[in-house]
Amino acid sequence: MYTFNPGPSQVYPQVRRYLQDAFDEGWLSAPHRGERFVQLMRQTVQELKNKLNVPQDYTVFFLSSATECWEVLTQSLTPTKSFHLYNGAFGEKWYEYAKALRPETKGLKFGIDEVPDARNLPGLDEHTNLVCLTQNETSNATQLRDGAILNIYNRLPGNALLAVDATSSMAGIQLKFIKADIWYASVQKCFGLPAGLSVMLLSPRAVERLRKVNERSHYNSLTAQYEKMLNFQTTHTPNVLGIYLLSRTLHDNPIIKTTHQHVLERANKLYDYFDQATRLRPLVTNPETRSSTVIGLQGAPALIEEVKRQALAQGMQLGSGYGSWKPTSLRIANFPAIPDAAFEQLVQFFAKEFA
């Protein structure tokens, strides 16, 4: 069975061996205050920076999920308000989480085939602490490319920081981390691991800000987490197994440039095929805003259900649509852990059954 569900998604096959090793090596009961865990943290952080090309002066944090990142960023880096640009369900949920804690928070919605105009962002002003983007919107298979993110970064007002949700792209495509202050992702997508861990990266500018704000009212306050991470420790008992699996996967996988090229080539082939060969069409019509790691297809509700049913019968689980797109779309994860053989089988399936 291959799963193309965009999260939780297909894990790397070697995870089975890593899990056995973790049990045999005693990691499932390892104390998180001991030197052995500190060494694991230090090693994982360095592997992450080396393999994903993260700037060495960025600080790495490990949280439980991208959802926790939404809350932590509002708690610890948003004393007044944030500004959210979104075009889908997850970007909107981040906006709603932030607004619940900081009622002055503003949001601006744009279309799935649109690139937001960095020169015209009503609601963004000098009182904004955080500008929030979703680089890859899982719900509708869109993405903001490097140029769009850079344009916004170059027009940040006052002392605002730029925060980017890269949940469905980090470890799948090469991201220019230096062009934003905060990046985060959960591991159950492009990292090819079980859910229950997220990675967050903070620039020196963001670290300076959290120290200035000095928010300490929560168990997961970033100020306290930062102070612990200086010694590769955590404020609370972390997901030791998740960190161990992340370390092993990063060590065994190629550098992000290699992975990026492979993912991009597969995405281009899939879009070329679905643009012309099947009864389904890409959900996103603008090539500039199409995601490389999640491919969205649209069709009549009855056709969507029939495609998913027949695919499952042939050993392929396709991702359902999400939110308002649920009845009329499906999603195909193009994550690194999914083998090429799975995509060959998928294209053959569409060519035979739905051309």
Protein backbone atom coordinates (compact mmCIF):
# COMPACT_ATOMS: atom_id res chain seq x y z
CA MET A 1 0.00 0.00 0.00
CA TYR A 2 1.30 3.44 -0.98
CA THR A 3 -0.18 6.48 0.69
CA PHE A 4 -0.22 9.81 -1.11
CA ASN A 5 -2.07 11.41 1.80
CA PRO A 6 -0.42 14.78 2.51
CA GLY A 7 -0.13 14.20 6.24
CA PRO A 8 0.38 12.09 8.16
CA SER A 9 2.12 10.76 5.11
CA GLN A 10 4.24 7.86 3.95
CA VAL A 11 7.27 7.38 6.20
CA TYR A 12 10.70 6.35 4.99
CA PRO A 13 10.98 2.53 4.91
CA GLN A 14 14.10 2.68 7.08
CA VAL A 15 12.00 4.06 9.95
CA ARG A 16 11.13 0.45 10.79
CA ARG A 17 14.82 -0.27 11.42
CA TYR A 18 15.29 3.01 13.31
CA LEU A 19 12.42 2.11 15.65
CA GLN A 20 13.98 -1.25 16.43
CA ASP A 21 17.35 0.41 17.00
CA ALA A 22 15.77 2.98 19.31
CA PHE A 23 14.27 0.19 21.40
CA ASP A 24 17.50 -1.84 21.48
CA GLU A 25 19.62 1.21 22.33
CA GLY A 26 17.38 2.24 25.22
CA TRP A 27 16.16 5.53 23.77
CA LEU A 28 12.54 4.86 24.72
CA SER A 29 13.42 5.26 28.39
CA ALA A 30 16.42 7.58 28.10
CA PRO A 31 16.46 10.47 30.63
CA HIS A 32 16.15 13.80 28.87
CA ARG A 33 18.43 15.57 31.36
CA GLY A 34 21.36 13.24 30.80
CA GLU A 35 24.49 13.84 28.77
CA ARG A 36 23.49 11.17 26.26
CA PHE A 37 20.36 13.11 25.30
CA VAL A 38 22.32 16.38 25.13
CA GLN A 39 24.65 14.74 22.61
CA LEU A 40 21.68 13.54 20.58
CA MET A 41 20.22 17.06 20.53
CA ARG A 42 23.54 18.60 19.53
CA GLN A 43 23.98 16.05 16.75
CA THR A 44 20.41 16.48 15.47
CA VAL A 45 20.68 20.26 15.35
CA GLN A 46 23.93 20.08 13.39
CA GLU A 47 22.55 17.46 10.98
CA LEU A 48 19.51 19.67 10.40
CA LYS A 49 21.62 22.71 9.62
CA ASN A 50 24.01 20.80 7.39
CA LYS A 51 21.44 18.84 5.38
CA LEU A 52 18.82 21.58 4.99
CA ASN A 53 21.28 24.46 4.55
CA VAL A 54 20.07 26.32 7.63
CA PRO A 55 22.25 29.31 8.62
CA GLN A 56 24.57 28.36 11.45
CA ASP A 57 23.46 31.35 13.55
CA TYR A 58 19.78 30.30 13.51
CA THR A 59 18.47 28.64 16.69
CA VAL A 60 16.63 25.32 16.42
CA PHE A 61 13.66 24.46 18.64
CA PHE A 62 11.70 21.21 18.90
CA LEU A 63 7.98 21.44 19.65
CA SER A 64 5.09 19.00 19.37
CA SER A 65 3.39 20.27 16.21
CA ALA A 66 2.99 23.19 13.83
CA THR A 67 -0.19 24.04 15.73
CA GLU A 68 1.86 24.55 18.90
CA CYS A 69 4.14 26.84 16.90
CA TRP A 70 1.13 29.05 16.07
CA GLU A 71 0.38 29.51 19.75
CA VAL A 72 3.96 29.89 20.94
CA LEU A 73 4.74 32.58 18.36
CA THR A 74 1.71 34.58 19.47
CA GLN A 75 2.47 34.12 23.17
CA SER A 76 6.15 34.95 23.01
CA LEU A 77 6.76 37.20 20.00
CA THR A 78 3.50 39.10 19.55
CA PRO A 79 2.90 41.55 22.40
CA THR A 80 0.50 43.63 20.26
CA LYS A 81 -0.66 42.02 17.02
CA SER A 82 0.30 40.02 13.96
CA PHE A 83 -0.63 40.29 10.29
CA HIS A 84 -1.54 37.16 8.31
CA LEU A 85 -1.53 36.59 4.56
CA TYR A 86 -3.42 33.41 3.68
CA ASN A 87 -5.26 31.68 0.85
CA GLY A 88 -6.34 28.44 2.48
CA ALA A 89 -7.53 26.65 5.58
CA PHE A 90 -4.26 26.29 7.49
CA GLY A 91 -3.14 29.88 6.98
CA GLU A 92 -6.61 30.97 8.10
CA LYS A 93 -6.48 28.74 11.18
CA TRP A 94 -3.15 30.30 12.17
CA TYR A 95 -4.78 33.71 11.81
CA GLU A 96 -7.73 32.62 13.98
CA TYR A 97 -5.44 31.18 16.70
CA ALA A 98 -3.47 34.43 16.81
CA LYS A 99 -6.57 36.64 16.82
CA ALA A 100 -8.02 34.69 19.77
CA LEU A 101 -4.95 35.67 21.81
CA ARG A 102 -4.29 39.09 20.26
CA PRO A 103 -7.63 40.59 19.14
CA GLU A 104 -6.00 43.41 17.16
CA THR A 105 -4.49 40.87 14.77
CA LYS A 106 -5.31 41.44 11.09
CA GLY A 107 -5.59 39.07 8.15
CA LEU A 108 -5.73 39.38 4.38
CA LYS A 109 -7.02 36.60 2.15
CA PHE A 110 -5.88 36.15 -1.46
CA GLY A 111 -6.84 33.72 -4.22
CA ILE A 112 -5.16 30.39 -4.95
CA ASP A 113 -3.98 31.61 -8.35
CA GLU A 114 -2.75 34.95 -7.00
CA VAL A 115 0.62 36.14 -5.72
CA PRO A 116 0.07 38.73 -2.96
CA ASP A 117 1.19 42.26 -3.80
CA ALA A 118 3.81 43.19 -1.20
CA ARG A 119 3.27 46.88 -2.01
CA ASN A 120 -0.40 46.83 -1.03
CA LEU A 121 -1.12 45.07 2.25
CA PRO A 122 -3.93 46.93 4.08
CA GLY A 123 -3.85 46.29 7.81
CA LEU A 124 -0.07 45.99 7.96
CA ASP A 125 1.43 48.89 9.92
CA GLU A 126 4.27 49.92 12.23
CA HIS A 127 2.47 48.39 15.25
CA THR A 128 2.63 44.90 13.72
CA ASN A 129 4.99 42.56 15.59
CA LEU A 130 4.82 39.55 13.30
CA VAL A 131 3.96 39.08 9.61
CA CYS A 132 2.81 35.50 8.98
CA LEU A 133 2.87 33.53 5.72
CA THR A 134 2.10 29.94 4.76
CA GLN A 135 4.81 29.01 2.26
CA ASN A 136 3.03 25.82 1.22
CA GLU A 137 -0.72 25.68 1.83
CA THR A 138 -1.52 21.99 2.25
CA SER A 139 -5.27 22.46 1.96
CA ASN A 140 -5.26 23.69 -1.64
CA ALA A 141 -1.84 22.72 -3.05
CA THR A 142 -0.45 26.25 -3.44
CA GLN A 143 2.89 27.75 -2.52
CA LEU A 144 4.64 31.09 -2.26
CA ARG A 145 7.94 31.02 -4.09
CA ASP A 146 11.19 32.60 -2.94
CA GLY A 147 10.60 35.87 -4.78
CA ALA A 148 7.18 36.45 -3.20
CA ILE A 149 8.55 35.84 0.30
CA LEU A 150 11.56 38.08 -0.34
CA ASN A 151 9.33 40.93 -1.57
CA ILE A 152 7.37 40.83 1.67
CA TYR A 153 10.51 40.51 3.79
CA ASN A 154 11.99 43.60 2.13
CA ARG A 155 8.85 45.61 2.95
CA LEU A 156 8.40 44.69 6.61
CA PRO A 157 7.25 47.74 8.57
CA GLY A 158 8.99 48.98 11.71
CA ASN A 159 10.49 46.14 13.70
CA ALA A 160 8.18 43.40 12.41
CA LEU A 161 9.50 39.86 12.05
CA LEU A 162 8.56 37.51 9.21
CA ALA A 163 7.28 34.05 10.22
CA VAL A 164 6.77 31.28 7.66
CA ASP A 165 4.80 28.05 7.97
CA ALA A 166 6.73 25.53 5.86
CA THR A 167 4.96 22.44 7.17
CA SER A 168 4.47 20.77 3.79
CA SER A 169 7.75 21.84 2.21
CA MET A 170 10.62 21.86 4.73
CA ALA A 171 12.96 18.92 3.98
CA GLY A 172 11.31 18.55 0.57
CA ILE A 173 12.42 21.68 -1.25
CA GLN A 174 15.30 24.06 -0.69
CA LEU A 175 14.16 27.07 1.30
CA LYS A 176 16.07 30.33 1.62
CA PHE A 177 15.92 30.54 5.39
CA ILE A 178 17.87 33.78 5.53
CA LYS A 179 14.89 35.56 3.92
CA ALA A 180 12.67 35.17 7.00
CA ASP A 181 13.10 35.32 10.77
CA ILE A 182 11.05 32.26 11.75
CA TRP A 183 10.38 28.98 9.95
CA TYR A 184 8.60 25.90 11.24
CA ALA A 185 7.31 22.52 10.08
CA SER A 186 5.92 19.27 11.41
CA VAL A 187 7.83 16.09 10.60
CA GLN A 188 4.90 13.98 9.32
CA LYS A 189 5.20 15.39 5.81
CA CYS A 190 8.45 15.99 3.89
CA PHE A 191 10.61 14.70 6.74
CA GLY A 192 8.99 11.28 6.22
CA LEU A 193 8.50 10.56 9.93
CA PRO A 194 5.59 9.77 12.27
CA ALA A 195 3.65 12.73 13.66
CA GLY A 196 4.38 14.21 17.08
CA LEU A 197 7.34 16.54 16.51
CA SER A 198 7.89 19.92 14.88
CA VAL A 199 11.01 21.90 14.04
CA MET A 200 11.19 25.67 14.44
CA LEU A 201 14.06 27.91 13.34
CA LEU A 202 14.68 31.43 14.66
CA SER A 203 17.06 34.01 13.22
CA PRO A 204 19.33 36.09 15.49
CA ARG A 205 16.90 38.99 15.01
CA ALA A 206 14.02 36.85 16.29
CA VAL A 207 16.08 35.65 19.26
CA GLU A 208 16.92 39.24 20.14
CA ARG A 209 13.21 40.05 20.04
CA LEU A 210 12.13 37.16 22.26
CA ARG A 211 14.73 38.14 24.83
CA LYS A 212 13.45 41.72 24.76
CA VAL A 213 9.80 40.67 25.10
CA ASN A 214 10.86 38.18 27.81
CA GLU A 215 7.52 36.37 27.97
CA ARG A 216 7.63 33.60 30.61
CA SER A 217 3.98 32.87 31.42
CA HIS A 218 3.75 29.42 29.80
CA TYR A 219 5.52 26.08 30.06
CA ASN A 220 6.50 26.43 26.40
CA SER A 221 7.45 30.12 26.43
CA LEU A 222 10.12 30.75 23.83
CA THR A 223 12.34 32.68 26.24
CA ALA A 224 12.68 29.68 28.54
CA GLN A 225 13.02 27.29 25.60
CA TYR A 226 15.82 29.41 24.16
CA GLU A 227 17.71 29.45 27.45
CA LYS A 228 17.48 25.65 27.65
CA MET A 229 18.51 25.18 24.01
CA LEU A 230 21.75 27.05 24.68
CA ASN A 231 22.71 23.81 26.45
CA PHE A 232 20.78 21.53 24.06
CA GLN A 233 18.08 20.95 26.65
CA THR A 234 14.30 21.46 26.72
CA THR A 235 11.92 23.08 29.19
CA HIS A 236 9.80 19.93 29.43
CA THR A 237 10.07 16.25 28.57
CA PRO A 238 10.47 16.21 24.78
CA ASN A 239 9.62 13.62 22.15
CA VAL A 240 12.93 11.79 22.54
CA LEU A 241 11.96 9.08 20.05
CA GLY A 242 10.92 11.69 17.47
CA ILE A 243 14.23 13.54 17.84
CA TYR A 244 16.14 10.25 17.54
CA LEU A 245 14.25 9.32 14.35
CA LEU A 246 14.86 12.80 12.95
CA SER A 247 18.57 12.51 13.63
CA ARG A 248 18.81 9.13 11.91
CA THR A 249 16.80 10.23 8.89
CA LEU A 250 18.77 13.43 8.40
CA HIS A 251 22.04 11.55 8.67
CA ASP A 252 21.06 8.98 6.03
CA ASN A 253 19.36 11.33 3.55
CA PRO A 254 21.12 13.45 0.89
CA ILE A 255 21.56 17.21 1.13
CA ILE A 256 18.46 19.27 0.40
CA LYS A 257 19.69 20.42 -3.01
CA THR A 258 19.57 16.82 -4.26
CA THR A 259 16.16 16.15 -2.73
CA HIS A 260 14.80 19.45 -4.07
CA GLN A 261 15.78 18.60 -7.63
CA HIS A 262 14.18 15.16 -7.43
CA VAL A 263 10.93 16.49 -5.95
CA LEU A 264 10.77 19.29 -8.53
CA GLU A 265 11.28 16.90 -11.45
CA ARG A 266 8.48 14.64 -10.22
CA ALA A 267 6.15 17.60 -9.68
CA ASN A 268 6.76 18.93 -13.19
CA LYS A 269 6.04 15.52 -14.70
CA LEU A 270 2.82 15.17 -12.74
CA TYR A 271 1.58 18.66 -13.64
CA ASP A 272 2.47 18.11 -17.31
CA TYR A 273 0.50 14.88 -17.27
CA PHE A 274 -2.58 16.16 -15.47
CA ASP A 275 -2.65 19.37 -17.52
CA GLN A 276 -3.52 17.36 -20.62
CA ALA A 277 -4.08 13.66 -20.12
CA THR A 278 -6.88 12.92 -17.67
CA ARG A 279 -10.47 13.73 -16.76
CA LEU A 280 -9.13 15.55 -13.71
CA ARG A 281 -7.38 18.92 -13.89
CA PRO A 282 -4.96 20.67 -11.53
CA LEU A 283 -6.80 22.60 -8.82
CA VAL A 284 -4.37 25.52 -9.20
CA THR A 285 -4.30 26.93 -12.73
CA ASN A 286 -1.43 29.40 -12.25
CA PRO A 287 1.92 27.53 -12.54
CA GLU A 288 3.56 30.26 -10.44
CA THR A 289 1.44 29.41 -7.38
CA ARG A 290 1.36 25.61 -7.71
CA SER A 291 2.95 23.61 -4.93
CA SER A 292 5.84 21.28 -5.72
CA THR A 293 5.14 18.98 -2.78
CA VAL A 294 1.32 18.72 -2.80
CA ILE A 295 -0.49 18.32 -6.14
CA GLY A 296 -4.19 19.22 -6.07
CA LEU A 297 -6.64 17.86 -8.67
CA GLN A 298 -10.23 18.95 -9.23
CA GLY A 299 -13.29 17.29 -10.70
CA ALA A 300 -16.96 16.57 -10.14
CA PRO A 301 -17.72 15.10 -6.68
CA ALA A 302 -18.80 11.74 -8.11
CA LEU A 303 -15.61 11.48 -10.17
CA ILE A 304 -13.42 12.39 -7.19
CA GLU A 305 -15.00 9.65 -5.07
CA GLU A 306 -14.67 7.10 -7.87
CA VAL A 307 -10.98 7.92 -8.41
CA LYS A 308 -10.21 7.55 -4.70
CA ARG A 309 -12.19 4.30 -4.45
CA GLN A 310 -10.52 2.67 -7.45
CA ALA A 311 -7.06 3.86 -6.41
CA LEU A 312 -7.50 2.36 -2.94
CA ALA A 313 -8.55 -0.95 -4.47
CA GLN A 314 -5.24 -0.94 -6.36
CA GLY A 315 -3.15 -0.21 -3.27
CA MET A 316 -2.91 3.59 -3.45
CA GLN A 317 -4.44 5.92 -0.88
CA LEU A 318 -5.04 9.39 -2.32
CA GLY A 319 -5.53 12.40 -0.09
CA SER A 320 -9.01 13.89 0.14
CA GLY A 321 -9.69 17.55 -0.54
CA TYR A 322 -9.77 19.89 2.42
CA GLY A 323 -12.21 22.51 3.66
CA SER A 324 -14.34 24.08 0.94
CA TRP A 325 -12.44 22.07 -1.69
CA LYS A 326 -13.21 18.71 -0.05
CA PRO A 327 -16.02 17.48 -2.35
CA THR A 328 -14.44 18.58 -5.62
CA SER A 329 -10.72 17.90 -5.18
CA LEU A 330 -8.13 15.38 -4.12
CA ARG A 331 -4.51 15.85 -3.11
CA ILE A 332 -1.39 13.89 -4.00
CA ALA A 333 1.63 14.24 -1.73
CA ASN A 334 4.93 14.50 -3.59
CA PHE A 335 7.08 13.97 -0.51
CA PRO A 336 10.62 12.55 -0.64
CA ALA A 337 9.75 9.36 1.28
CA ILE A 338 7.31 8.24 -1.43
CA PRO A 339 9.30 6.13 -3.93
CA ASP A 340 9.39 6.75 -7.68
CA ALA A 341 7.75 3.36 -8.20
CA ALA A 342 4.64 4.64 -6.45
CA PHE A 343 4.33 7.58 -8.86
CA GLU A 344 4.85 5.30 -11.85
CA GLN A 345 2.01 3.12 -10.59
CA LEU A 346 -0.14 6.21 -10.01
CA VAL A 347 0.32 7.58 -13.52
CA GLN A 348 -0.35 4.15 -15.03
CA PHE A 349 -3.54 3.96 -12.98
CA PHE A 350 -4.79 7.31 -14.29
CA ALA A 351 -3.75 6.47 -17.85
CA LYS A 352 -5.68 3.21 -17.76
CA GLU A 353 -8.77 4.21 -15.79
CA PHE A 354 -9.31 7.98 -16.19
CA ALA A 355 -7.56 9.21 -19.33
